[in-house]
Amino acid sequence: MYDRILKRMRGKIRTRQYVMTLHAEEEMDDDDLSIFDVERGILTGRIVERQKDRVTAGWKYLVEGETIAGDPVVVVGKLSVTGKLVIITVYLV
């Protein structure tokens, strides 16, 4: 359903055009995840939900994929006006 968005997100990962929020970094640490797990989550995943951000009114997407170890992970991200992918949060399922 969101193939075009997912393709853009994957392109941003492949070209390293993304930023992590402090919250996402804290959640990665809490779940013992690396940046490679986040990247793999988007590269192997699919968008399972689209949500409207209450603060910015922009769209954010929940991508369900796999970590390097094969564990299920959800990465929440949005495409910013600067052209970068913003990783909002990440968590194990």
Protein backbone atom coordinates (compact mmCIF):
# COMPACT_ATOMS: atom_id res chain seq x y z
CA MET A 1 0.00 0.00 0.00
CA TYR A 2 2.86 2.40 0.83
CA ASP A 3 5.38 0.97 -1.63
CA ARG A 4 6.52 4.37 -2.88
CA ILE A 5 7.18 5.63 0.66
CA LEU A 6 9.01 2.44 1.65
CA LYS A 7 11.16 2.67 -1.47
CA ARG A 8 12.13 6.24 -0.55
CA MET A 9 12.88 5.22 3.04
CA ARG A 10 15.11 2.38 1.86
CA GLY A 11 16.90 4.75 -0.49
CA LYS A 12 17.61 7.10 2.42
CA ILE A 13 19.04 4.19 4.43
CA ARG A 14 21.25 3.03 1.56
CA THR A 15 22.64 6.53 0.98
CA ARG A 16 22.97 7.31 4.70
CA GLN A 17 20.53 10.20 4.47
CA TYR A 18 18.90 9.67 7.82
CA VAL A 19 19.05 11.00 11.36
CA MET A 20 18.18 9.39 14.66
CA THR A 21 16.25 11.20 17.38
CA LEU A 22 17.62 11.06 20.90
CA HIS A 23 14.57 8.99 21.84
CA ALA A 24 15.36 6.44 19.12
CA GLU A 25 18.96 6.15 20.34
CA GLU A 26 17.78 5.62 23.92
CA GLU A 27 15.33 2.92 22.81
CA MET A 28 18.08 1.22 20.78
CA ASP A 29 20.28 1.12 23.87
CA ASP A 30 17.44 -0.22 26.04
CA ASP A 31 16.84 -3.10 23.59
CA ASP A 32 20.56 -3.71 22.87
CA LEU A 33 20.09 -2.83 19.20
CA SER A 34 22.70 -1.40 16.86
CA ILE A 35 22.32 0.99 13.97
CA PHE A 36 22.72 -2.04 11.69
CA ASP A 37 19.59 -3.55 13.27
CA VAL A 38 17.65 -0.37 12.51
CA GLU A 39 18.92 -0.26 8.93
CA ARG A 40 18.10 -3.93 8.39
CA GLY A 41 14.64 -3.41 9.89
CA ILE A 42 13.80 -0.89 7.18
CA LEU A 43 15.56 -2.75 4.38
CA THR A 44 13.75 -6.03 5.16
CA GLY A 45 10.49 -4.61 6.45
CA ARG A 46 7.11 -3.49 5.30
CA ILE A 47 4.99 -0.56 6.37
CA VAL A 48 2.30 -1.89 8.68
CA GLU A 49 0.75 1.40 9.74
CA ARG A 50 0.65 5.11 8.94
CA GLN A 51 -0.03 7.59 11.74
CA LYS A 52 -0.55 11.33 11.81
CA ASP A 53 1.86 13.09 14.16
CA ARG A 54 -0.11 15.09 16.73
CA VAL A 55 2.50 17.85 16.95
CA THR A 56 3.51 18.41 13.31
CA ALA A 57 0.43 16.91 11.59
CA GLY A 58 2.87 15.07 9.30
CA TRP A 59 2.76 11.37 8.51
CA LYS A 60 4.95 8.82 10.26
CA TYR A 61 5.25 5.18 9.30
CA LEU A 62 5.70 1.99 11.32
CA VAL A 63 8.00 -0.40 9.49
CA GLU A 64 8.06 -3.97 10.75
CA GLY A 65 11.19 -5.88 9.78
CA GLU A 66 14.02 -8.01 11.14
CA THR A 67 17.20 -7.28 13.05
CA ILE A 68 20.56 -8.73 12.05
CA ALA A 69 19.80 -11.66 14.39
CA GLY A 70 16.38 -12.18 12.78
CA ASP A 71 14.35 -10.78 15.67
CA PRO A 72 11.19 -8.82 14.79
CA VAL A 73 11.67 -5.06 15.13
CA VAL A 74 9.54 -1.99 14.48
CA VAL A 75 11.14 1.22 13.25
CA VAL A 76 9.04 4.38 13.31
CA GLY A 77 10.16 7.03 10.86
CA LYS A 78 9.11 9.94 8.72
CA LEU A 79 10.43 11.74 5.68
CA SER A 80 11.35 15.28 6.68
CA VAL A 81 11.09 18.50 4.73
CA THR A 82 14.91 18.52 4.57
CA GLY A 83 14.79 15.35 2.49
CA LYS A 84 16.16 13.08 5.20
CA LEU A 85 14.58 10.11 6.89
CA VAL A 86 14.03 10.76 10.58
CA ILE A 87 14.08 7.65 12.78
CA ILE A 88 11.68 8.55 15.61
CA THR A 89 11.86 5.36 17.64
CA VAL A 90 12.64 1.66 17.39
CA TYR A 91 11.57 -1.32 19.46
CA LEU A 92 11.57 -5.10 19.49
CA VAL A 93 8.21 -6.80 19.01
